[in-house]
Amino acid sequence: MPNHATTVTRPTAPDDSELARLIEALAAALTARGWALATAESCTGGWIAKCCTDRAGSSDWFERGLVTYSNRAKAELLDVPDELLEHEGAVSEAVARAMAQGARLRSGVDAALAVTGIAGPDGGSPDKPVGTVWFGWSLAGRETQTECRVFAGDREAVRRQAVAHALSGLIERL
């Protein structure tokens, strides 16, 4: 899986019904394996966990969601090394990988996903423009995978696209 950024342009951000369809597919995939999910979210602020728990019966496959918005939270709750945060920045492949691994290992689950990015409207740079989001997926017995996307749109559009991409990515990997 490539680890370079791909710019994503959508005519519209995914709506709630599209997110609900993704959750149904995710619930089926996790339930079929008897697996539970943990999430580690930064720029999505718990939106993935909200989507998961909007579905009745999610306690059968959803273990927990961690909103680790600050670097301190990433270090304390997910064991992301301070050196990574300092040298790579919170929005980086290394931190997304560490967040996903930390969420899976600390939660004792078989599947975890992580999201860290710049939703805007401020905070971007030439190297990491607004809309840059790094994803990490950690599954038991497999190497943790990462991916970067640059989403177009306002803050809500970037976040909605990030939620959808994180869920789709996990479904594909399951």
Protein backbone atom coordinates (compact mmCIF):
# COMPACT_ATOMS: atom_id res chain seq x y z
CA MET A 1 0.00 0.00 0.00
CA PRO A 2 1.54 3.35 -0.98
CA ASN A 3 2.37 5.76 1.80
CA HIS A 4 2.33 8.92 -0.31
CA ALA A 5 -0.46 11.45 -0.22
CA THR A 6 -3.27 11.20 -2.70
CA THR A 7 -5.43 14.26 -3.26
CA VAL A 8 -9.09 13.37 -3.07
CA THR A 9 -11.71 15.56 -4.64
CA ARG A 10 -15.34 14.67 -4.07
CA PRO A 11 -18.37 16.56 -5.31
CA THR A 12 -19.82 16.26 -1.80
CA ALA A 13 -18.68 14.88 1.52
CA PRO A 14 -20.25 11.56 2.57
CA ASP A 15 -23.61 12.03 4.25
CA ASP A 16 -24.87 10.29 7.38
CA SER A 17 -26.56 7.52 5.40
CA GLU A 18 -23.28 6.70 3.62
CA LEU A 19 -21.46 6.57 6.96
CA ALA A 20 -24.20 4.31 8.37
CA ARG A 21 -23.77 1.93 5.40
CA LEU A 22 -20.05 1.73 6.12
CA ILE A 23 -20.77 0.96 9.78
CA GLU A 24 -23.12 -1.88 8.78
CA ALA A 25 -20.40 -3.41 6.61
CA LEU A 26 -17.80 -2.95 9.34
CA ALA A 27 -20.07 -4.49 12.00
CA ALA A 28 -20.65 -7.53 9.78
CA ALA A 29 -16.93 -7.99 9.09
CA LEU A 30 -15.90 -7.67 12.73
CA THR A 31 -18.75 -9.84 14.02
CA ALA A 32 -17.94 -12.58 11.50
CA ARG A 33 -14.41 -12.75 12.96
CA GLY A 34 -15.43 -12.30 16.58
CA TRP A 35 -13.19 -9.23 16.73
CA ALA A 36 -13.55 -5.94 18.56
CA LEU A 37 -12.46 -2.49 17.43
CA ALA A 38 -10.71 0.39 19.14
CA THR A 39 -10.30 3.82 17.57
CA ALA A 40 -7.70 6.52 18.14
CA GLU A 41 -8.84 9.84 16.73
CA SER A 42 -7.34 13.28 16.55
CA CYS A 43 -8.78 15.53 13.83
CA THR A 44 -12.06 13.56 13.67
CA GLY A 45 -12.66 14.23 17.36
CA GLY A 46 -14.50 10.99 18.13
CA TRP A 47 -16.71 11.06 15.04
CA ILE A 48 -15.71 7.49 14.09
CA ALA A 49 -16.59 6.23 17.57
CA LYS A 50 -19.89 8.14 17.37
CA CYS A 51 -20.73 6.49 14.06
CA CYS A 52 -19.92 3.08 15.52
CA THR A 53 -22.04 3.60 18.62
CA ASP A 54 -24.94 5.07 16.66
CA ARG A 55 -25.61 1.47 15.61
CA ALA A 56 -27.63 -0.58 18.10
CA GLY A 57 -25.68 -3.62 19.21
CA SER A 58 -22.30 -2.03 18.64
CA SER A 59 -21.16 -3.18 22.07
CA ASP A 60 -20.75 -6.63 20.48
CA TRP A 61 -17.82 -5.38 18.38
CA PHE A 62 -16.84 -1.86 19.48
CA GLU A 63 -14.54 -1.78 22.53
CA ARG A 64 -13.55 1.87 22.88
CA GLY A 65 -12.70 5.12 21.22
CA LEU A 66 -9.90 7.41 22.30
CA VAL A 67 -9.87 11.06 21.30
CA THR A 68 -6.21 11.97 21.50
CA TYR A 69 -6.29 15.50 20.17
CA SER A 70 -3.19 16.78 21.93
CA ASN A 71 0.34 15.43 21.69
CA ARG A 72 0.22 14.81 25.42
CA ALA A 73 -2.85 12.60 25.02
CA LYS A 74 -1.21 10.67 22.18
CA ALA A 75 1.82 10.00 24.38
CA GLU A 76 -0.07 9.19 27.58
CA LEU A 77 -2.96 7.14 26.21
CA LEU A 78 -1.41 5.49 23.14
CA ASP A 79 2.29 5.30 24.03
CA VAL A 80 3.27 7.44 21.04
CA PRO A 81 6.92 8.29 21.74
CA ASP A 82 7.59 11.96 22.45
CA GLU A 83 10.51 11.77 20.01
CA LEU A 84 8.14 10.85 17.15
CA LEU A 85 5.82 13.71 17.96
CA GLU A 86 8.72 16.14 18.20
CA HIS A 87 10.62 15.06 15.09
CA GLU A 88 7.84 13.88 12.76
CA GLY A 89 4.92 15.99 13.96
CA ALA A 90 1.50 14.77 15.03
CA VAL A 91 0.34 14.64 11.41
CA SER A 92 2.73 12.03 10.07
CA GLU A 93 2.97 8.43 8.98
CA ALA A 94 5.01 7.44 12.04
CA VAL A 95 2.50 8.93 14.47
CA ALA A 96 -0.53 7.41 12.68
CA ARG A 97 1.20 4.01 12.84
CA ALA A 98 2.06 4.41 16.53
CA MET A 99 -1.47 5.58 17.34
CA ALA A 100 -3.06 2.54 15.66
CA GLN A 101 -0.65 0.12 17.32
CA GLY A 102 -1.06 1.79 20.70
CA ALA A 103 -4.85 1.68 20.47
CA ARG A 104 -4.85 -2.03 19.58
CA LEU A 105 -2.30 -3.10 22.16
CA ARG A 106 -3.59 -0.94 25.01
CA SER A 107 -7.20 -1.96 24.35
CA GLY A 108 -6.55 -5.67 23.93
CA VAL A 109 -8.51 -5.85 20.67
CA ASP A 110 -7.78 -7.42 17.29
CA ALA A 111 -8.48 -4.31 15.19
CA ALA A 112 -7.71 -0.63 15.61
CA LEU A 113 -7.71 2.40 13.40
CA ALA A 114 -6.14 5.80 13.87
CA VAL A 115 -6.66 9.20 12.27
CA THR A 116 -4.49 12.30 12.63
CA GLY A 117 -4.67 15.32 10.37
CA ILE A 118 -5.28 18.98 9.68
CA ALA A 119 -8.98 19.67 9.22
CA GLY A 120 -8.58 23.44 8.93
CA PRO A 121 -9.32 26.11 8.25
CA ASP A 122 -5.96 26.97 9.84
CA GLY A 123 -2.91 24.94 10.73
CA GLY A 124 -1.68 23.92 7.29
CA SER A 125 1.79 24.40 5.84
CA PRO A 126 3.35 23.90 2.39
CA ASP A 127 4.44 20.38 3.42
CA LYS A 128 1.16 19.56 5.17
CA PRO A 129 -1.69 21.58 3.69
CA VAL A 130 -5.12 21.82 5.25
CA GLY A 131 -6.94 18.59 4.44
CA THR A 132 -3.88 16.36 5.02
CA VAL A 133 -4.90 13.28 7.01
CA TRP A 134 -2.81 10.25 7.95
CA PHE A 135 -4.51 6.93 8.68
CA GLY A 136 -3.27 3.84 10.47
CA TRP A 137 -4.86 0.38 10.62
CA SER A 138 -3.52 -2.23 13.03
CA LEU A 139 -4.85 -5.79 12.84
CA ALA A 140 -3.72 -8.72 14.97
CA GLY A 141 -1.13 -10.84 13.21
CA ARG A 142 -0.52 -8.30 10.44
CA GLU A 143 1.81 -5.42 9.82
CA THR A 144 0.27 -2.04 10.62
CA GLN A 145 -0.62 -0.17 7.44
CA THR A 146 -0.71 3.57 6.88
CA GLU A 147 -1.97 5.89 4.22
CA CYS A 148 -2.16 9.64 3.63
CA ARG A 149 -4.89 11.57 1.86
CA VAL A 150 -5.39 15.26 1.20
CA PHE A 151 -9.09 16.04 1.22
CA ALA A 152 -10.75 19.09 -0.30
CA GLY A 153 -13.43 21.19 1.33
CA ASP A 154 -14.17 22.95 4.57
CA ARG A 155 -13.51 21.56 8.05
CA GLU A 156 -16.65 19.41 8.14
CA ALA A 157 -16.06 18.05 4.64
CA VAL A 158 -12.47 17.08 5.49
CA ARG A 159 -13.58 15.38 8.69
CA ARG A 160 -16.48 13.52 7.03
CA GLN A 161 -14.18 12.28 4.27
CA ALA A 162 -11.62 11.20 6.87
CA VAL A 163 -14.25 9.22 8.80
CA ALA A 164 -15.44 7.49 5.63
CA HIS A 165 -11.91 6.72 4.46
CA ALA A 166 -10.88 5.30 7.86
CA LEU A 167 -13.92 3.01 7.91
CA SER A 168 -13.56 1.97 4.26
CA GLY A 169 -9.88 1.26 4.78
CA LEU A 170 -10.58 -1.00 7.72
CA ILE A 171 -13.33 -2.86 5.87
CA GLU A 172 -10.94 -3.48 2.95
CA ARG A 173 -8.27 -4.80 5.30
CA LEU A 174 -10.68 -7.14 7.08
